[in-house]
PDB file of N, CA and C in Angstrom:
ATOM      1  N   UNK A   1      14.317  26.014  27.593  1.00  0.00           N
ATOM      2  CA  UNK A   1      14.267  25.321  26.322  1.00  0.00           C
ATOM      3  C   UNK A   1      14.619  23.837  26.507  1.00  0.00           C
ATOM      4  N   UNK A   2      15.632  23.551  27.292  1.00  0.00           N
ATOM      5  CA  UNK A   2      16.009  22.159  27.546  1.00  0.00           C
ATOM      6  C   UNK A   2      14.861  21.441  28.255  1.00  0.00           C
ATOM      7  N   UNK A   3      14.205  22.136  29.184  1.00  0.00           N
ATOM      8  CA  UNK A   3      13.081  21.549  29.902  1.00  0.00           C
ATOM      9  C   UNK A   3      11.938  21.192  28.960  1.00  0.00           C
ATOM     10  N   UNK A   4      11.698  22.036  27.970  1.00  0.00           N
ATOM     11  CA  UNK A   4      10.641  21.779  26.988  1.00  0.00           C
ATOM     12  C   UNK A   4      10.972  20.538  26.156  1.00  0.00           C
ATOM     13  N   UNK A   5      12.223  20.417  25.747  1.00  0.00           N
ATOM     14  CA  UNK A   5      12.648  19.260  24.958  1.00  0.00           C
ATOM     15  C   UNK A   5      12.510  17.983  25.779  1.00  0.00           C
ATOM     16  N   UNK A   6      12.902  18.044  27.053  1.00  0.00           N
ATOM     17  CA  UNK A   6      12.783  16.871  27.921  1.00  0.00           C
ATOM     18  C   UNK A   6      11.314  16.480  28.090  1.00  0.00           C
ATOM     19  N   UNK A   7      10.469  17.472  28.264  1.00  0.00           N
ATOM     20  CA  UNK A   7       9.029  17.211  28.439  1.00  0.00           C
ATOM     21  C   UNK A   7       8.438  16.564  27.181  1.00  0.00           C
ATOM     22  N   UNK A   8       8.830  17.091  26.012  1.00  0.00           N
ATOM     23  CA  UNK A   8       8.330  16.520  24.760  1.00  0.00           C
ATOM     24  C   UNK A   8       8.825  15.091  24.574  1.00  0.00           C
ATOM     25  N   UNK A   9      10.073  14.824  24.940  1.00  0.00           N
ATOM     26  CA  UNK A   9      10.607  13.466  24.831  1.00  0.00           C
ATOM     27  C   UNK A   9       9.853  12.527  25.772  1.00  0.00           C
ATOM     28  N   UNK A  10       9.555  12.984  26.976  1.00  0.00           N
ATOM     29  CA  UNK A  10       8.802  12.163  27.932  1.00  0.00           C
ATOM     30  C   UNK A  10       7.389  11.906  27.411  1.00  0.00           C
ATOM     31  N   UNK A  11       6.750  12.943  26.880  1.00  0.00           N
ATOM     32  CA  UNK A  11       5.408  12.778  26.316  1.00  0.00           C
ATOM     33  C   UNK A  11       5.419  11.787  25.145  1.00  0.00           C
ATOM     34  N   UNK A  12       6.451  11.860  24.319  1.00  0.00           N
ATOM     35  CA  UNK A  12       6.575  10.939  23.203  1.00  0.00           C
ATOM     36  C   UNK A  12       6.705   9.498  23.698  1.00  0.00           C
ATOM     37  N   UNK A  13       7.551   9.275  24.685  1.00  0.00           N
ATOM     38  CA  UNK A  13       7.737   7.927  25.223  1.00  0.00           C
ATOM     39  C   UNK A  13       6.449   7.408  25.873  1.00  0.00           C
ATOM     40  N   UNK A  14       5.735   8.280  26.574  1.00  0.00           N
ATOM     41  CA  UNK A  14       4.461   7.881  27.178  1.00  0.00           C
ATOM     42  C   UNK A  14       3.461   7.459  26.102  1.00  0.00           C
ATOM     43  N   UNK A  15       3.424   8.216  25.011  1.00  0.00           N
ATOM     44  CA  UNK A  15       2.497   7.907  23.916  1.00  0.00           C
ATOM     45  C   UNK A  15       2.882   6.585  23.240  1.00  0.00           C
ATOM     46  N   UNK A  16       4.172   6.367  23.027  1.00  0.00           N
ATOM     47  CA  UNK A  16       4.614   5.120  22.396  1.00  0.00           C
ATOM     48  C   UNK A  16       4.319   3.910  23.272  1.00  0.00           C
ATOM     49  N   UNK A  17       4.326   4.089  24.583  1.00  0.00           N
ATOM     50  CA  UNK A  17       3.997   2.985  25.482  1.00  0.00           C
ATOM     51  C   UNK A  17       2.510   2.634  25.444  1.00  0.00           C
ATOM     52  N   UNK A  18       1.670   3.568  24.998  1.00  0.00           N
ATOM     53  CA  UNK A  18       0.231   3.325  24.921  1.00  0.00           C
ATOM     54  C   UNK A  18      -0.195   2.705  23.589  1.00  0.00           C
ATOM     55  N   UNK A  19       0.717   2.657  22.630  1.00  0.00           N
ATOM     56  CA  UNK A  19       0.397   2.122  21.308  1.00  0.00           C
ATOM     57  C   UNK A  19       0.188   0.609  21.409  1.00  0.00           C
ATOM     58  N   UNK A  20      -0.843   0.118  20.739  1.00  0.00           N
ATOM     59  CA  UNK A  20      -1.112  -1.323  20.688  1.00  0.00           C
ATOM     60  C   UNK A  20      -0.382  -1.879  19.469  1.00  0.00           C
ATOM     61  N   UNK A  21       0.862  -2.316  19.654  1.00  0.00           N
ATOM     62  CA  UNK A  21       1.684  -2.802  18.555  1.00  0.00           C
ATOM     63  C   UNK A  21       1.179  -4.161  18.090  1.00  0.00           C
ATOM     64  N   UNK A  22       1.097  -4.384  16.774  1.00  0.00           N
ATOM     65  CA  UNK A  22       0.622  -5.679  16.268  1.00  0.00           C
ATOM     66  C   UNK A  22       1.674  -6.770  16.470  1.00  0.00           C
ATOM     67  N   UNK A  23       1.200  -7.994  16.586  1.00  0.00           N
ATOM     68  CA  UNK A  23       2.100  -9.124  16.732  1.00  0.00           C
ATOM     69  C   UNK A  23       2.629  -9.575  15.377  1.00  0.00           C
ATOM     70  N   UNK A  24       3.568 -10.510  15.423  1.00  0.00           N
ATOM     71  CA  UNK A  24       4.191 -11.002  14.197  1.00  0.00           C
ATOM     72  C   UNK A  24       3.167 -11.626  13.256  1.00  0.00           C
ATOM     73  N   UNK A  25       2.252 -12.412  13.796  1.00  0.00           N
ATOM     74  CA  UNK A  25       1.247 -13.081  12.963  1.00  0.00           C
ATOM     75  C   UNK A  25       0.359 -12.060  12.251  1.00  0.00           C
ATOM     76  N   UNK A  26      -0.036 -11.011  12.952  1.00  0.00           N
ATOM     77  CA  UNK A  26      -0.892  -9.991  12.350  1.00  0.00           C
ATOM     78  C   UNK A  26      -0.152  -9.227  11.251  1.00  0.00           C
ATOM     79  N   UNK A  27       1.115  -8.934  11.487  1.00  0.00           N
ATOM     80  CA  UNK A  27       1.913  -8.231  10.478  1.00  0.00           C
ATOM     81  C   UNK A  27       2.071  -9.100   9.234  1.00  0.00           C
ATOM     82  N   UNK A  28       2.385 -10.381   9.412  1.00  0.00           N
ATOM     83  CA  UNK A  28       2.548 -11.283   8.272  1.00  0.00           C
ATOM     84  C   UNK A  28       1.246 -11.448   7.501  1.00  0.00           C
ATOM     85  N   UNK A  29       0.138 -11.569   8.209  1.00  0.00           N
ATOM     86  CA  UNK A  29      -1.157 -11.712   7.570  1.00  0.00           C
ATOM     87  C   UNK A  29      -1.493 -10.476   6.735  1.00  0.00           C
ATOM     88  N   UNK A  30      -1.276  -9.312   7.297  1.00  0.00           N
ATOM     89  CA  UNK A  30      -1.546  -8.068   6.574  1.00  0.00           C
ATOM     90  C   UNK A  30      -0.621  -7.921   5.374  1.00  0.00           C
ATOM     91  N   UNK A  31       0.631  -8.319   5.531  1.00  0.00           N
ATOM     92  CA  UNK A  31       1.595  -8.215   4.430  1.00  0.00           C
ATOM     93  C   UNK A  31       1.197  -9.119   3.273  1.00  0.00           C
ATOM     94  N   UNK A  32       0.822 -10.368   3.574  1.00  0.00           N
ATOM     95  CA  UNK A  32       0.398 -11.285   2.513  1.00  0.00           C
ATOM     96  C   UNK A  32      -0.869 -10.782   1.831  1.00  0.00           C
ATOM     97  N   UNK A  33      -1.781 -10.232   2.603  1.00  0.00           N
ATOM     98  CA  UNK A  33      -2.997  -9.670   2.013  1.00  0.00           C
ATOM     99  C   UNK A  33      -2.668  -8.547   1.042  1.00  0.00           C
ATOM    100  N   UNK A  34      -1.719  -7.699   1.421  1.00  0.00           N
ATOM    101  CA  UNK A  34      -1.304  -6.593   0.562  1.00  0.00           C
ATOM    102  C   UNK A  34      -0.660  -7.112  -0.715  1.00  0.00           C
ATOM    103  N   UNK A  35       0.184  -8.111  -0.596  1.00  0.00           N
ATOM    104  CA  UNK A  35       0.854  -8.689  -1.772  1.00  0.00           C
ATOM    105  C   UNK A  35      -0.173  -9.299  -2.720  1.00  0.00           C
ATOM    106  N   UNK A  36      -1.107 -10.063  -2.198  1.00  0.00           N
ATOM    107  CA  UNK A  36      -2.112 -10.730  -3.029  1.00  0.00           C
ATOM    108  C   UNK A  36      -3.002  -9.710  -3.739  1.00  0.00           C
ATOM    109  N   UNK A  37      -3.449  -8.709  -3.011  1.00  0.00           N
ATOM    110  CA  UNK A  37      -4.300  -7.680  -3.628  1.00  0.00           C
ATOM    111  C   UNK A  37      -3.517  -6.901  -4.683  1.00  0.00           C
ATOM    112  N   UNK A  38      -2.246  -6.604  -4.424  1.00  0.00           N
ATOM    113  CA  UNK A  38      -1.418  -5.887  -5.401  1.00  0.00           C
ATOM    114  C   UNK A  38      -1.259  -6.696  -6.677  1.00  0.00           C
ATOM    115  N   UNK A  39      -1.036  -7.995  -6.547  1.00  0.00           N
ATOM    116  CA  UNK A  39      -0.906  -8.855  -7.728  1.00  0.00           C
ATOM    117  C   UNK A  39      -2.225  -8.890  -8.502  1.00  0.00           C
ATOM    118  N   UNK A  40      -3.334  -9.027  -7.786  1.00  0.00           N
ATOM    119  CA  UNK A  40      -4.649  -9.052  -8.440  1.00  0.00           C
ATOM    120  C   UNK A  40      -4.910  -7.747  -9.200  1.00  0.00           C
ATOM    121  N   UNK A  41      -4.676  -6.618  -8.561  1.00  0.00           N
ATOM    122  CA  UNK A  41      -4.914  -5.319  -9.210  1.00  0.00           C
ATOM    123  C   UNK A  41      -3.985  -5.150 -10.411  1.00  0.00           C
ATOM    124  N   UNK A  42      -2.725  -5.556 -10.266  1.00  0.00           N
ATOM    125  CA  UNK A  42      -1.788  -5.461 -11.386  1.00  0.00           C
ATOM    126  C   UNK A  42      -2.244  -6.291 -12.575  1.00  0.00           C
ATOM    127  N   UNK A  43      -2.687  -7.523 -12.318  1.00  0.00           N
ATOM    128  CA  UNK A  43      -3.185  -8.394 -13.405  1.00  0.00           C
ATOM    129  C   UNK A  43      -4.442  -7.814 -14.039  1.00  0.00           C
ATOM    130  N   UNK A  44      -5.327  -7.278 -13.217  1.00  0.00           N
ATOM    131  CA  UNK A  44      -6.559  -6.677 -13.743  1.00  0.00           C
ATOM    132  C   UNK A  44      -6.237  -5.485 -14.641  1.00  0.00           C
ATOM    133  N   UNK A  45      -5.326  -4.610 -14.194  1.00  0.00           N
ATOM    134  CA  UNK A  45      -4.975  -3.433 -15.002  1.00  0.00           C
ATOM    135  C   UNK A  45      -4.274  -3.851 -16.289  1.00  0.00           C
ATOM    136  N   UNK A  46      -3.392  -4.859 -16.207  1.00  0.00           N
ATOM    137  CA  UNK A  46      -2.723  -5.353 -17.408  1.00  0.00           C
ATOM    138  C   UNK A  46      -3.750  -5.891 -18.404  1.00  0.00           C
ATOM    139  N   UNK A  47      -4.681  -6.716 -17.930  1.00  0.00           N
ATOM    140  CA  UNK A  47      -5.698  -7.296 -18.803  1.00  0.00           C
ATOM    141  C   UNK A  47      -6.597  -6.216 -19.401  1.00  0.00           C
ATOM    142  N   UNK A  48      -6.970  -5.243 -18.593  1.00  0.00           N
ATOM    143  CA  UNK A  48      -7.812  -4.147 -19.096  1.00  0.00           C
ATOM    144  C   UNK A  48      -7.077  -3.364 -20.177  1.00  0.00           C
ATOM    145  N   UNK A  49      -5.813  -3.081 -19.952  1.00  0.00           N
ATOM    146  CA  UNK A  49      -5.013  -2.352 -20.931  1.00  0.00           C
ATOM    147  C   UNK A  49      -4.891  -3.158 -22.226  1.00  0.00           C
ATOM    148  N   UNK A  50      -4.673  -4.448 -22.096  1.00  0.00           N
ATOM    149  CA  UNK A  50      -4.529  -5.312 -23.272  1.00  0.00           C
ATOM    150  C   UNK A  50      -5.816  -5.340 -24.089  1.00  0.00           C
ATOM    151  N   UNK A  51      -6.945  -5.511 -23.400  1.00  0.00           N
ATOM    152  CA  UNK A  51      -8.244  -5.548 -24.092  1.00  0.00           C
ATOM    153  C   UNK A  51      -8.527  -4.217 -24.776  1.00  0.00           C
ATOM    154  N   UNK A  52      -8.293  -3.119 -24.075  1.00  0.00           N
ATOM    155  CA  UNK A  52      -8.542  -1.802 -24.675  1.00  0.00           C
ATOM    156  C   UNK A  52      -7.596  -1.535 -25.842  1.00  0.00           C
ATOM    157  N   UNK A  53      -6.363  -1.985 -25.752  1.00  0.00           N
ATOM    158  CA  UNK A  53      -5.411  -1.813 -26.856  1.00  0.00           C
ATOM    159  C   UNK A  53      -5.872  -2.577 -28.087  1.00  0.00           C
ATOM    160  N   UNK A  54      -6.293  -3.819 -27.890  1.00  0.00           N
ATOM    161  CA  UNK A  54      -6.779  -4.625 -29.010  1.00  0.00           C
ATOM    162  C   UNK A  54      -8.048  -4.030 -29.591  1.00  0.00           C
ATOM    163  N   UNK A  55      -8.934  -3.540 -28.736  1.00  0.00           N
ATOM    164  CA  UNK A  55     -10.172  -2.907 -29.201  1.00  0.00           C
ATOM    165  C   UNK A  55      -9.894  -1.647 -30.000  1.00  0.00           C
ATOM    166  N   UNK A  56      -8.949  -0.851 -29.526  1.00  0.00           N
ATOM    167  CA  UNK A  56      -8.598   0.376 -30.254  1.00  0.00           C
ATOM    168  C   UNK A  56      -7.953   0.037 -31.582  1.00  0.00           C
ATOM    169  N   UNK A  57      -7.236  -1.072 -31.643  1.00  0.00           N
ATOM    170  CA  UNK A  57      -6.617  -1.488 -32.908  1.00  0.00           C
ATOM    171  C   UNK A  57      -7.651  -1.802 -33.970  1.00  0.00           C
ATOM    172  N   UNK A  58      -8.797  -2.307 -33.587  1.00  0.00           N
ATOM    173  CA  UNK A  58      -9.875  -2.583 -34.544  1.00  0.00           C
ATOM    174  C   UNK A  58     -10.576  -1.308 -34.984  1.00  0.00           C
ATOM    175  N   UNK A  59     -10.624  -0.311 -34.125  1.00  0.00           N
ATOM    176  CA  UNK A  59     -11.344   0.923 -34.438  1.00  0.00           C
ATOM    177  C   UNK A  59     -10.508   1.913 -35.229  1.00  0.00           C
ATOM    178  N   UNK A  60      -9.201   1.879 -35.041  1.00  0.00           N
ATOM    179  CA  UNK A  60      -8.335   2.846 -35.717  1.00  0.00           C
ATOM    180  C   UNK A  60      -7.702   2.162 -36.927  1.00  0.00           C
ATOM    181  N   UNK A  61      -8.023   2.634 -38.126  1.00  0.00           N
ATOM    182  CA  UNK A  61      -7.454   2.016 -39.324  1.00  0.00           C
ATOM    183  C   UNK A  61      -5.927   2.190 -39.346  1.00  0.00           C
ATOM    184  N   UNK A  62      -5.240   1.139 -39.693  1.00  0.00           N
ATOM    185  CA  UNK A  62      -3.791   1.194 -39.790  1.00  0.00           C
ATOM    186  C   UNK A  62      -3.093   1.102 -38.456  1.00  0.00           C
ATOM    187  N   UNK A  63      -3.843   0.987 -37.349  1.00  0.00           N
ATOM    188  CA  UNK A  63      -3.251   0.865 -36.023  1.00  0.00           C
ATOM    189  C   UNK A  63      -2.792  -0.557 -35.760  1.00  0.00           C
ATOM    190  N   UNK A  64      -1.774  -0.701 -34.943  1.00  0.00           N
ATOM    191  CA  UNK A  64      -1.262  -2.043 -34.626  1.00  0.00           C
ATOM    192  C   UNK A  64      -1.617  -2.402 -33.215  1.00  0.00           C
TER     193      UNK A  64
END
């Protein structure tokens, strides 16, 4: 059992050494892209909700 655990740990380390880790510039670029897209989607959903709310207010009598 100990031998199996050691083998799995060695296999894990071998696999991690083969990973192509991104550099700092690539991580920052991807992070900013994610932030910008999240802000855009949030604004779009807010605007869509606002327009639909106002539209429903005209269709439903007594609605605010």
